PDB file of N, CA and C in Angstrom:
ATOM      1  N   MET A   1      -1.250   2.135 -25.646  1.00  0.00           N
ATOM      2  CA  MET A   1      -0.408   1.724 -24.538  1.00  0.00           C
ATOM      3  C   MET A   1      -0.497   2.696 -23.374  1.00  0.00           C
ATOM      4  N   ARG A   2      -0.854   3.923 -23.608  1.00  0.00           N
ATOM      5  CA  ARG A   2      -0.860   4.938 -22.545  1.00  0.00           C
ATOM      6  C   ARG A   2      -1.773   4.529 -21.397  1.00  0.00           C
ATOM      7  N   GLY A   3      -2.937   3.953 -21.726  1.00  0.00           N
ATOM      8  CA  GLY A   3      -3.866   3.508 -20.689  1.00  0.00           C
ATOM      9  C   GLY A   3      -3.283   2.408 -19.826  1.00  0.00           C
ATOM     10  N   LEU A   4      -2.565   1.479 -20.432  1.00  0.00           N
ATOM     11  CA  LEU A   4      -1.923   0.411 -19.669  1.00  0.00           C
ATOM     12  C   LEU A   4      -0.815   0.954 -18.770  1.00  0.00           C
ATOM     13  N   ASP A   5      -0.086   1.946 -19.280  1.00  0.00           N
ATOM     14  CA  ASP A   5       0.948   2.581 -18.461  1.00  0.00           C
ATOM     15  C   ASP A   5       0.329   3.235 -17.239  1.00  0.00           C
ATOM     16  N   LEU A   6      -0.765   3.972 -17.442  1.00  0.00           N
ATOM     17  CA  LEU A   6      -1.425   4.659 -16.326  1.00  0.00           C
ATOM     18  C   LEU A   6      -1.978   3.652 -15.319  1.00  0.00           C
ATOM     19  N   ALA A   7      -2.491   2.515 -15.793  1.00  0.00           N
ATOM     20  CA  ALA A   7      -2.971   1.474 -14.891  1.00  0.00           C
ATOM     21  C   ALA A   7      -1.795   0.910 -14.073  1.00  0.00           C
ATOM     22  N   ALA A   8      -0.646   0.704 -14.705  1.00  0.00           N
ATOM     23  CA  ALA A   8       0.524   0.226 -13.988  1.00  0.00           C
ATOM     24  C   ALA A   8       0.959   1.236 -12.940  1.00  0.00           C
ATOM     25  N   TYR A   9       0.902   2.536 -13.253  1.00  0.00           N
ATOM     26  CA  TYR A   9       1.284   3.560 -12.285  1.00  0.00           C
ATOM     27  C   TYR A   9       0.295   3.607 -11.121  1.00  0.00           C
ATOM     28  N   PHE A  10      -0.996   3.412 -11.409  1.00  0.00           N
ATOM     29  CA  PHE A  10      -2.016   3.375 -10.367  1.00  0.00           C
ATOM     30  C   PHE A  10      -1.705   2.245  -9.378  1.00  0.00           C
ATOM     31  N   PHE A  11      -1.495   1.037  -9.898  1.00  0.00           N
ATOM     32  CA  PHE A  11      -1.238  -0.096  -9.017  1.00  0.00           C
ATOM     33  C   PHE A  11       0.141   0.005  -8.359  1.00  0.00           C
ATOM     34  N   GLY A  12       1.088   0.612  -9.045  1.00  0.00           N
ATOM     35  CA  GLY A  12       2.402   0.833  -8.420  1.00  0.00           C
ATOM     36  C   GLY A  12       2.296   1.788  -7.243  1.00  0.00           C
ATOM     37  N   GLY A  13       1.504   2.848  -7.380  1.00  0.00           N
ATOM     38  CA  GLY A  13       1.298   3.771  -6.260  1.00  0.00           C
ATOM     39  C   GLY A  13       0.599   3.097  -5.106  1.00  0.00           C
ATOM     40  N   ALA A  14      -0.370   2.234  -5.411  1.00  0.00           N
ATOM     41  CA  ALA A  14      -1.073   1.490  -4.370  1.00  0.00           C
ATOM     42  C   ALA A  14      -0.116   0.572  -3.632  1.00  0.00           C
ATOM     43  N   LEU A  15       0.771  -0.098  -4.361  1.00  0.00           N
ATOM     44  CA  LEU A  15       1.718  -1.008  -3.714  1.00  0.00           C
ATOM     45  C   LEU A  15       2.742  -0.248  -2.876  1.00  0.00           C
ATOM     46  N   PHE A  16       3.213   0.895  -3.347  1.00  0.00           N
ATOM     47  CA  PHE A  16       4.130   1.701  -2.544  1.00  0.00           C
ATOM     48  C   PHE A  16       3.470   2.131  -1.234  1.00  0.00           C
ATOM     49  N   ALA A  17       2.228   2.596  -1.301  1.00  0.00           N
ATOM     50  CA  ALA A  17       1.517   3.024  -0.100  1.00  0.00           C
ATOM     51  C   ALA A  17       1.247   1.833   0.811  1.00  0.00           C
ATOM     52  N   ASN A  18       0.895   0.697   0.247  1.00  0.00           N
ATOM     53  CA  ASN A  18       0.624  -0.487   1.063  1.00  0.00           C
ATOM     54  C   ASN A  18       1.883  -0.997   1.756  1.00  0.00           C
ATOM     55  N   ALA A  19       3.045  -0.739   1.178  1.00  0.00           N
ATOM     56  CA  ALA A  19       4.296  -1.197   1.789  1.00  0.00           C
ATOM     57  C   ALA A  19       4.586  -0.482   3.107  1.00  0.00           C
ATOM     58  N   ILE A  20       4.159   0.748   3.242  1.00  0.00           N
ATOM     59  CA  ILE A  20       4.548   1.558   4.405  1.00  0.00           C
ATOM     60  C   ILE A  20       4.116   0.939   5.741  1.00  0.00           C
ATOM     61  N   PRO A  21       2.826   0.647   5.969  1.00  0.00           N
ATOM     62  CA  PRO A  21       2.463   0.114   7.302  1.00  0.00           C
ATOM     63  C   PRO A  21       3.066  -1.253   7.579  1.00  0.00           C
ATOM     64  N   HIS A  22       3.203  -2.092   6.567  1.00  0.00           N
ATOM     65  CA  HIS A  22       3.771  -3.414   6.779  1.00  0.00           C
ATOM     66  C   HIS A  22       5.271  -3.319   7.121  1.00  0.00           C
ATOM     67  N   PHE A  23       5.990  -2.552   6.329  1.00  0.00           N
ATOM     68  CA  PHE A  23       7.437  -2.427   6.520  1.00  0.00           C
ATOM     69  C   PHE A  23       7.757  -1.762   7.853  1.00  0.00           C
ATOM     70  N   VAL A  24       7.059  -0.674   8.154  1.00  0.00           N
ATOM     71  CA  VAL A  24       7.321   0.067   9.395  1.00  0.00           C
ATOM     72  C   VAL A  24       6.936  -0.762  10.609  1.00  0.00           C
ATOM     73  N   SER A  25       5.747  -1.362  10.587  1.00  0.00           N
ATOM     74  CA  SER A  25       5.352  -2.214  11.732  1.00  0.00           C
ATOM     75  C   SER A  25       6.346  -3.334  11.950  1.00  0.00           C
ATOM     76  N   GLY A  26       6.768  -3.960  10.869  1.00  0.00           N
ATOM     77  CA  GLY A  26       7.737  -5.038  10.995  1.00  0.00           C
ATOM     78  C   GLY A  26       9.060  -4.560  11.544  1.00  0.00           C
ATOM     79  N   MET A  27       9.552  -3.405  11.077  1.00  0.00           N
ATOM     80  CA  MET A  27      10.821  -2.874  11.580  1.00  0.00           C
ATOM     81  C   MET A  27      10.730  -2.493  13.044  1.00  0.00           C
ATOM     82  N   MET A  28       9.522  -2.127  13.501  1.00  0.00           N
ATOM     83  CA  MET A  28       9.334  -1.782  14.908  1.00  0.00           C
ATOM     84  C   MET A  28       9.119  -3.030  15.764  1.00  0.00           C
ATOM     85  N   GLY A  29       9.098  -4.209  15.136  1.00  0.00           N
ATOM     86  CA  GLY A  29       8.920  -5.450  15.868  1.00  0.00           C
ATOM     87  C   GLY A  29       7.488  -5.727  16.262  1.00  0.00           C
ATOM     88  N   ARG A  30       6.550  -5.090  15.588  1.00  0.00           N
ATOM     89  CA  ARG A  30       5.143  -5.265  15.913  1.00  0.00           C
ATOM     90  C   ARG A  30       4.459  -6.171  14.915  1.00  0.00           C
ATOM     91  N   ALA A  31       3.558  -7.019  15.436  1.00  0.00           N
ATOM     92  CA  ALA A  31       2.721  -7.830  14.569  1.00  0.00           C
ATOM     93  C   ALA A  31       1.699  -6.916  13.904  1.00  0.00           C
ATOM     94  N   PHE A  32       1.271  -7.276  12.700  1.00  0.00           N
ATOM     95  CA  PHE A  32       0.306  -6.461  11.966  1.00  0.00           C
ATOM     96  C   PHE A  32      -0.473  -7.378  11.029  1.00  0.00           C
ATOM     97  N   GLN A  33      -1.664  -6.967  10.643  1.00  0.00           N
ATOM     98  CA  GLN A  33      -2.477  -7.761   9.710  1.00  0.00           C
ATOM     99  C   GLN A  33      -1.757  -7.880   8.374  1.00  0.00           C
ATOM    100  N   SER A  34      -1.916  -9.034   7.746  1.00  0.00           N
ATOM    101  CA  SER A  34      -1.387  -9.244   6.406  1.00  0.00           C
ATOM    102  C   SER A  34      -2.227 -10.298   5.701  1.00  0.00           C
ATOM    103  N   PRO A  35      -2.027 -10.455   4.403  1.00  0.00           N
ATOM    104  CA  PRO A  35      -2.772 -11.471   3.656  1.00  0.00           C
ATOM    105  C   PRO A  35      -2.411 -12.905   4.093  1.00  0.00           C
ATOM    106  N   PHE A  36      -1.331 -13.064   4.846  1.00  0.00           N
ATOM    107  CA  PHE A  36      -0.872 -14.395   5.220  1.00  0.00           C
ATOM    108  C   PHE A  36      -1.368 -14.831   6.602  1.00  0.00           C
ATOM    109  N   ALA A  37      -2.076 -13.961   7.293  1.00  0.00           N
ATOM    110  CA  ALA A  37      -2.587 -14.269   8.638  1.00  0.00           C
ATOM    111  C   ALA A  37      -3.848 -15.098   8.538  1.00  0.00           C
ATOM    112  N   ARG A  38      -4.291 -15.630   9.668  1.00  0.00           N
ATOM    113  CA  ARG A  38      -5.560 -16.376   9.741  1.00  0.00           C
ATOM    114  C   ARG A  38      -6.511 -15.601  10.603  1.00  0.00           C
ATOM    115  N   PRO A  39      -7.649 -15.175  10.162  1.00  0.00           N
ATOM    116  CA  PRO A  39      -8.086 -15.094   8.768  1.00  0.00           C
ATOM    117  C   PRO A  39      -7.324 -14.001   8.011  1.00  0.00           C
ATOM    118  N   PRO A  40      -7.172 -14.184   6.702  1.00  0.00           N
ATOM    119  CA  PRO A  40      -6.386 -13.227   5.891  1.00  0.00           C
ATOM    120  C   PRO A  40      -6.888 -11.795   6.042  1.00  0.00           C
ATOM    121  N   GLY A  41      -5.938 -10.886   6.306  1.00  0.00           N
ATOM    122  CA  GLY A  41      -6.270  -9.466   6.414  1.00  0.00           C
ATOM    123  C   GLY A  41      -6.864  -9.078   7.748  1.00  0.00           C
ATOM    124  N   GLU A  42      -7.103 -10.030   8.633  1.00  0.00           N
ATOM    125  CA  GLU A  42      -7.681  -9.715   9.939  1.00  0.00           C
ATOM    126  C   GLU A  42      -6.785 -10.194  11.078  1.00  0.00           C
ATOM    127  N   GLY A  43      -6.238 -11.406  10.933  1.00  0.00           N
ATOM    128  CA  GLY A  43      -5.325 -11.916  11.959  1.00  0.00           C
ATOM    129  C   GLY A  43      -3.987 -11.215  11.846  1.00  0.00           C
ATOM    130  N   LEU A  44      -3.165 -11.421  12.849  1.00  0.00           N
ATOM    131  CA  LEU A  44      -1.848 -10.765  12.880  1.00  0.00           C
ATOM    132  C   LEU A  44      -0.769 -11.690  12.312  1.00  0.00           C
ATOM    133  N   SER A  45       0.166 -11.080  11.589  1.00  0.00           N
ATOM    134  CA  SER A  45       1.348 -11.770  11.110  1.00  0.00           C
ATOM    135  C   SER A  45       2.555 -11.254  11.866  1.00  0.00           C
ATOM    136  N   SER A  46       3.606 -12.037  11.916  1.00  0.00           N
ATOM    137  CA  SER A  46       4.796 -11.650  12.643  1.00  0.00           C
ATOM    138  C   SER A  46       5.451 -10.424  12.004  1.00  0.00           C
ATOM    139  N   SER A  47       6.331  -9.815  12.784  1.00  0.00           N
ATOM    140  CA  SER A  47       7.053  -8.646  12.262  1.00  0.00           C
ATOM    141  C   SER A  47       7.923  -9.024  11.064  1.00  0.00           C
ATOM    142  N   THR A  48       8.504 -10.210  11.077  1.00  0.00           N
ATOM    143  CA  THR A  48       9.340 -10.647   9.954  1.00  0.00           C
ATOM    144  C   THR A  48       8.518 -10.801   8.679  1.00  0.00           C
ATOM    145  N   VAL A  49       7.347 -11.415   8.794  1.00  0.00           N
ATOM    146  CA  VAL A  49       6.458 -11.578   7.627  1.00  0.00           C
ATOM    147  C   VAL A  49       6.096 -10.198   7.070  1.00  0.00           C
ATOM    148  N   ASN A  50       5.841  -9.231   7.953  1.00  0.00           N
ATOM    149  CA  ASN A  50       5.449  -7.913   7.497  1.00  0.00           C
ATOM    150  C   ASN A  50       6.600  -7.178   6.812  1.00  0.00           C
ATOM    151  N   VAL A  51       7.816  -7.340   7.296  1.00  0.00           N
ATOM    152  CA  VAL A  51       8.959  -6.723   6.623  1.00  0.00           C
ATOM    153  C   VAL A  51       9.118  -7.302   5.219  1.00  0.00           C
ATOM    154  N   VAL A  52       9.018  -8.619   5.101  1.00  0.00           N
ATOM    155  CA  VAL A  52       9.165  -9.266   3.791  1.00  0.00           C
ATOM    156  C   VAL A  52       8.015  -8.837   2.862  1.00  0.00           C
ATOM    157  N   TRP A  53       6.784  -8.814   3.377  1.00  0.00           N
ATOM    158  CA  TRP A  53       5.634  -8.407   2.573  1.00  0.00           C
ATOM    159  C   TRP A  53       5.767  -6.933   2.142  1.00  0.00           C
ATOM    160  N   GLY A  54       6.195  -6.072   3.045  1.00  0.00           N
ATOM    161  CA  GLY A  54       6.403  -4.665   2.705  1.00  0.00           C
ATOM    162  C   GLY A  54       7.465  -4.499   1.641  1.00  0.00           C
ATOM    163  N   PHE A  55       8.565  -5.241   1.793  1.00  0.00           N
ATOM    164  CA  PHE A  55       9.639  -5.160   0.795  1.00  0.00           C
ATOM    165  C   PHE A  55       9.179  -5.656  -0.566  1.00  0.00           C
ATOM    166  N   PHE A  56       8.402  -6.730  -0.578  1.00  0.00           N
ATOM    167  CA  PHE A  56       7.859  -7.259  -1.829  1.00  0.00           C
ATOM    168  C   PHE A  56       6.987  -6.192  -2.510  1.00  0.00           C
ATOM    169  N   ASN A  57       6.160  -5.489  -1.731  1.00  0.00           N
ATOM    170  CA  ASN A  57       5.325  -4.415  -2.276  1.00  0.00           C
ATOM    171  C   ASN A  57       6.179  -3.308  -2.888  1.00  0.00           C
ATOM    172  N   ILE A  58       7.286  -2.973  -2.223  1.00  0.00           N
ATOM    173  CA  ILE A  58       8.186  -1.936  -2.751  1.00  0.00           C
ATOM    174  C   ILE A  58       8.778  -2.370  -4.091  1.00  0.00           C
ATOM    175  N   VAL A  59       9.236  -3.607  -4.163  1.00  0.00           N
ATOM    176  CA  VAL A  59       9.865  -4.105  -5.403  1.00  0.00           C
ATOM    177  C   VAL A  59       8.864  -4.094  -6.549  1.00  0.00           C
ATOM    178  N   VAL A  60       7.667  -4.642  -6.331  1.00  0.00           N
ATOM    179  CA  VAL A  60       6.670  -4.708  -7.403  1.00  0.00           C
ATOM    180  C   VAL A  60       6.188  -3.288  -7.751  1.00  0.00           C
ATOM    181  N   GLY A  61       6.029  -2.429  -6.756  1.00  0.00           N
ATOM    182  CA  GLY A  61       5.667  -1.038  -7.033  1.00  0.00           C
ATOM    183  C   GLY A  61       6.718  -0.336  -7.883  1.00  0.00           C
ATOM    184  N   TYR A  62       7.979  -0.583  -7.568  1.00  0.00           N
ATOM    185  CA  TYR A  62       9.073  -0.020  -8.355  1.00  0.00           C
ATOM    186  C   TYR A  62       8.994  -0.498  -9.825  1.00  0.00           C
ATOM    187  N   VAL A  63       8.795  -1.793  -9.998  1.00  0.00           N
ATOM    188  CA  VAL A  63       8.730  -2.340 -11.358  1.00  0.00           C
ATOM    189  C   VAL A  63       7.575  -1.684 -12.118  1.00  0.00           C
ATOM    190  N   LEU A  64       6.416  -1.552 -11.487  1.00  0.00           N
ATOM    191  CA  LEU A  64       5.245  -0.995 -12.181  1.00  0.00           C
ATOM    192  C   LEU A  64       5.420   0.490 -12.507  1.00  0.00           C
ATOM    193  N   ILE A  65       6.095   1.228 -11.652  1.00  0.00           N
ATOM    194  CA  ILE A  65       6.236   2.672 -11.913  1.00  0.00           C
ATOM    195  C   ILE A  65       7.491   2.987 -12.717  1.00  0.00           C
ATOM    196  N   CYS A  66       8.585   2.370 -12.393  1.00  0.00           N
ATOM    197  CA  CYS A  66       9.856   2.758 -13.003  1.00  0.00           C
ATOM    198  C   CYS A  66      10.254   1.945 -14.240  1.00  0.00           C
ATOM    199  N   ARG A  67       9.671   0.778 -14.412  1.00  0.00           N
ATOM    200  CA  ARG A  67      10.084  -0.074 -15.524  1.00  0.00           C
ATOM    201  C   ARG A  67       9.017  -0.244 -16.587  1.00  0.00           C
ATOM    202  N   VAL A  68       7.811   0.268 -16.338  1.00  0.00           N
ATOM    203  CA  VAL A  68       6.726   0.206 -17.326  1.00  0.00           C
ATOM    204  C   VAL A  68       6.575   1.601 -17.934  1.00  0.00           C
ATOM    205  N   GLY A  69       6.620   1.699 -19.204  1.00  0.00           N
ATOM    206  CA  GLY A  69       6.439   2.994 -19.863  1.00  0.00           C
ATOM    207  C   GLY A  69       7.561   3.967 -19.545  1.00  0.00           C
ATOM    208  N   GLN A  70       7.242   5.226 -19.636  1.00  0.00           N
ATOM    209  CA  GLN A  70       8.213   6.304 -19.354  1.00  0.00           C
ATOM    210  C   GLN A  70       7.602   7.211 -18.292  1.00  0.00           C
ATOM    211  N   PHE A  71       7.592   6.765 -17.032  1.00  0.00           N
ATOM    212  CA  PHE A  71       7.011   7.570 -15.964  1.00  0.00           C
ATOM    213  C   PHE A  71       7.771   8.894 -15.846  1.00  0.00           C
ATOM    214  N   GLY A  72       7.027   9.994 -15.814  1.00  0.00           N
ATOM    215  CA  GLY A  72       7.641  11.298 -15.679  1.00  0.00           C
ATOM    216  C   GLY A  72       7.081  12.068 -14.493  1.00  0.00           C
ATOM    217  N   LEU A  73       7.957  12.499 -13.587  1.00  0.00           N
ATOM    218  CA  LEU A  73       7.511  13.273 -12.437  1.00  0.00           C
ATOM    219  C   LEU A  73       6.877  14.593 -12.853  1.00  0.00           C
ATOM    220  N   ARG A  74       7.172  15.060 -14.046  1.00  0.00           N
ATOM    221  CA  ARG A  74       6.583  16.297 -14.529  1.00  0.00           C
ATOM    222  C   ARG A  74       5.356  16.058 -15.392  1.00  0.00           C
ATOM    223  N   ASP A  75       4.991  14.795 -15.565  1.00  0.00           N
ATOM    224  CA  ASP A  75       3.783  14.434 -16.342  1.00  0.00           C
ATOM    225  C   ASP A  75       2.629  14.317 -15.357  1.00  0.00           C
ATOM    226  N   THR A  76       1.699  15.244 -15.441  1.00  0.00           N
ATOM    227  CA  THR A  76       0.599  15.311 -14.491  1.00  0.00           C
ATOM    228  C   THR A  76      -0.206  14.022 -14.450  1.00  0.00           C
ATOM    229  N   TYR A  77      -0.481  13.431 -15.568  1.00  0.00           N
ATOM    230  CA  TYR A  77      -1.292  12.208 -15.597  1.00  0.00           C
ATOM    231  C   TYR A  77      -0.564  11.034 -14.917  1.00  0.00           C
ATOM    232  N   ASP A  78       0.747  10.942 -15.119  1.00  0.00           N
ATOM    233  CA  ASP A  78       1.510   9.888 -14.469  1.00  0.00           C
ATOM    234  C   ASP A  78       1.456  10.030 -12.950  1.00  0.00           C
ATOM    235  N   VAL A  79       1.675  11.249 -12.490  1.00  0.00           N
ATOM    236  CA  VAL A  79       1.672  11.515 -11.038  1.00  0.00           C
ATOM    237  C   VAL A  79       0.264  11.342 -10.458  1.00  0.00           C
ATOM    238  N   LEU A  80      -0.755  11.795 -11.178  1.00  0.00           N
ATOM    239  CA  LEU A  80      -2.129  11.608 -10.695  1.00  0.00           C
ATOM    240  C   LEU A  80      -2.502  10.134 -10.605  1.00  0.00           C
ATOM    241  N   ALA A  81      -2.088   9.356 -11.585  1.00  0.00           N
ATOM    242  CA  ALA A  81      -2.412   7.923 -11.573  1.00  0.00           C
ATOM    243  C   ALA A  81      -1.769   7.236 -10.370  1.00  0.00           C
ATOM    244  N   SER A  82      -0.494   7.475 -10.130  1.00  0.00           N
ATOM    245  CA  SER A  82       0.174   6.824  -8.996  1.00  0.00           C
ATOM    246  C   SER A  82      -0.353   7.379  -7.663  1.00  0.00           C
ATOM    247  N   GLY A  83      -0.633   8.672  -7.619  1.00  0.00           N
ATOM    248  CA  GLY A  83      -1.209   9.269  -6.416  1.00  0.00           C
ATOM    249  C   GLY A  83      -2.591   8.755  -6.116  1.00  0.00           C
ATOM    250  N   ALA A  84      -3.375   8.555  -7.162  1.00  0.00           N
ATOM    251  CA  ALA A  84      -4.733   8.013  -6.964  1.00  0.00           C
ATOM    252  C   ALA A  84      -4.665   6.588  -6.410  1.00  0.00           C
ATOM    253  N   GLY A  85      -3.740   5.790  -6.912  1.00  0.00           N
ATOM    254  CA  GLY A  85      -3.569   4.439  -6.403  1.00  0.00           C
ATOM    255  C   GLY A  85      -3.178   4.452  -4.941  1.00  0.00           C
ATOM    256  N   ALA A  86      -2.272   5.358  -4.581  1.00  0.00           N
ATOM    257  CA  ALA A  86      -1.852   5.474  -3.176  1.00  0.00           C
ATOM    258  C   ALA A  86      -3.004   5.926  -2.291  1.00  0.00           C
ATOM    259  N   LEU A  87      -3.799   6.883  -2.777  1.00  0.00           N
ATOM    260  CA  LEU A  87      -4.931   7.382  -1.997  1.00  0.00           C
ATOM    261  C   LEU A  87      -5.992   6.310  -1.805  1.00  0.00           C
ATOM    262  N   VAL A  88      -6.302   5.583  -2.857  1.00  0.00           N
ATOM    263  CA  VAL A  88      -7.342   4.525  -2.768  1.00  0.00           C
ATOM    264  C   VAL A  88      -6.948   3.467  -1.740  1.00  0.00           C
ATOM    265  N   ILE A  89      -5.704   2.992  -1.791  1.00  0.00           N
ATOM    266  CA  ILE A  89      -5.308   1.949  -0.834  1.00  0.00           C
ATOM    267  C   ILE A  89      -5.177   2.537   0.570  1.00  0.00           C
ATOM    268  N   ALA A  90      -4.815   3.795   0.691  1.00  0.00           N
ATOM    269  CA  ALA A  90      -4.701   4.419   2.010  1.00  0.00           C
ATOM    270  C   ALA A  90      -6.079   4.548   2.661  1.00  0.00           C
ATOM    271  N   VAL A  91      -7.071   4.994   1.902  1.00  0.00           N
ATOM    272  CA  VAL A  91      -8.426   5.117   2.462  1.00  0.00           C
ATOM    273  C   VAL A  91      -9.003   3.743   2.783  1.00  0.00           C
ATOM    274  N   PHE A  92      -8.806   2.787   1.884  1.00  0.00           N
ATOM    275  CA  PHE A  92      -9.265   1.425   2.149  1.00  0.00           C
ATOM    276  C   PHE A  92      -8.618   0.886   3.411  1.00  0.00           C
ATOM    277  N   SER A  93      -7.303   1.060   3.552  1.00  0.00           N
ATOM    278  CA  SER A  93      -6.600   0.548   4.739  1.00  0.00           C
ATOM    279  C   SER A  93      -7.073   1.234   6.003  1.00  0.00           C
ATOM    280  N   ALA A  94      -7.281   2.535   5.931  1.00  0.00           N
ATOM    281  CA  ALA A  94      -7.757   3.261   7.106  1.00  0.00           C
ATOM    282  C   ALA A  94      -9.098   2.728   7.570  1.00  0.00           C
ATOM    283  N   ARG A  95      -9.997   2.494   6.649  1.00  0.00           N
ATOM    284  CA  ARG A  95     -11.307   1.948   7.010  1.00  0.00           C
ATOM    285  C   ARG A  95     -11.203   0.502   7.491  1.00  0.00           C
ATOM    286  N   HIS A  96     -10.454  -0.324   6.791  1.00  0.00           N
ATOM    287  CA  HIS A  96     -10.342  -1.739   7.130  1.00  0.00           C
ATOM    288  C   HIS A  96      -9.629  -1.939   8.474  1.00  0.00           C
ATOM    289  N   PHE A  97      -8.448  -1.351   8.627  1.00  0.00           N
ATOM    290  CA  PHE A  97      -7.683  -1.572   9.849  1.00  0.00           C
ATOM    291  C   PHE A  97      -8.223  -0.737  10.999  1.00  0.00           C
ATOM    292  N   GLY A  98      -8.970   0.307  10.700  1.00  0.00           N
ATOM    293  CA  GLY A  98      -9.597   1.093  11.757  1.00  0.00           C
ATOM    294  C   GLY A  98     -10.573   0.279  12.586  1.00  0.00           C
ATOM    295  N   ARG A  99     -11.139  -0.767  11.991  1.00  0.00           N
ATOM    296  CA  ARG A  99     -12.041  -1.661  12.736  1.00  0.00           C
ATOM    297  C   ARG A  99     -11.314  -2.350  13.865  1.00  0.00           C
ATOM    298  N   PHE A 100     -10.040  -2.620  13.688  1.00  0.00           N
ATOM    299  CA  PHE A 100      -9.269  -3.378  14.666  1.00  0.00           C
ATOM    300  C   PHE A 100      -8.524  -2.490  15.656  1.00  0.00           C
ATOM    301  N   HIS A 101      -8.224  -1.270  15.254  1.00  0.00           N
ATOM    302  CA  HIS A 101      -7.382  -0.411  16.069  1.00  0.00           C
ATOM    303  C   HIS A 101      -8.109   0.841  16.567  1.00  0.00           C
ATOM    304  N   GLY A 102      -9.421   0.887  16.440  1.00  0.00           N
ATOM    305  CA  GLY A 102     -10.196   2.011  16.947  1.00  0.00           C
ATOM    306  C   GLY A 102     -10.142   3.264  16.095  1.00  0.00           C
ATOM    307  N   GLY A 103      -9.662   3.186  14.888  1.00  0.00           N
ATOM    308  CA  GLY A 103      -9.507   4.369  14.045  1.00  0.00           C
ATOM    309  C   GLY A 103     -10.779   4.829  13.366  1.00  0.00           C
ATOM    310  N   ASN A 104     -11.855   4.071  13.469  1.00  0.00           N
ATOM    311  CA  ASN A 104     -13.103   4.458  12.814  1.00  0.00           C
ATOM    312  C   ASN A 104     -14.063   5.174  13.772  1.00  0.00           C
ATOM    313  N   ARG A 105     -13.654   5.365  15.014  1.00  0.00           N
ATOM    314  CA  ARG A 105     -14.507   6.086  15.976  1.00  0.00           C
ATOM    315  C   ARG A 105     -14.417   7.585  15.712  1.00  0.00           C
ATOM    316  N   VAL A 106     -15.528   8.251  15.842  1.00  0.00           N
ATOM    317  CA  VAL A 106     -15.567   9.699  15.718  1.00  0.00           C
ATOM    318  C   VAL A 106     -15.956  10.247  17.071  1.00  0.00           C
ATOM    319  N   GLU A 107     -15.117  11.091  17.618  1.00  0.00           N
ATOM    320  CA  GLU A 107     -15.418  11.679  18.929  1.00  0.00           C
ATOM    321  C   GLU A 107     -16.140  12.989  18.708  1.00  0.00           C
ATOM    322  N   ARG A 108     -17.228  13.165  19.427  1.00  0.00           N
ATOM    323  CA  ARG A 108     -18.018  14.413  19.360  1.00  0.00           C
ATOM    324  C   ARG A 108     -17.526  15.362  20.438  1.00  0.00           C
ATOM    325  N   LEU A 109     -17.446  16.622  20.088  1.00  0.00           N
ATOM    326  CA  LEU A 109     -17.023  17.642  21.069  1.00  0.00           C
ATOM    327  C   LEU A 109     -18.188  18.073  21.916  1.00  0.00           C
TER     328      LEU A 109
END
C-alpha cells in the first residue's frame, strides 16, 4: 500500500500546485486557460470558471494527501512525493503557458 499512498501524495501535490494559478487568476477577475476552454488548455475561461476549477483542485488535492494513508510532514518520502508532484506540474505549466504569455523567451545580456 505504501506505493499507492506515495502516488496519491504525488498527484495531490500536483493538484494543489495546479490550483494556485487558476484560483488566483479567477480571484483577480482575469480570464485564464483551463481544460474547459476552446481549445482545451489554450483558450481562455472566465474568472468564475477558474475559481471553481481551482477550488476543485484544492478539494481533490486535500483528499489525496490528507485522507489517503497517513501523510506525515516529518516523513521525507511523503513530502518528497507531494513536492515532486507540485514541481512536475509547475514546470509543465511554465512551459505550456509560457507559449501564450511570453514566459519561454530567454533574453541575452
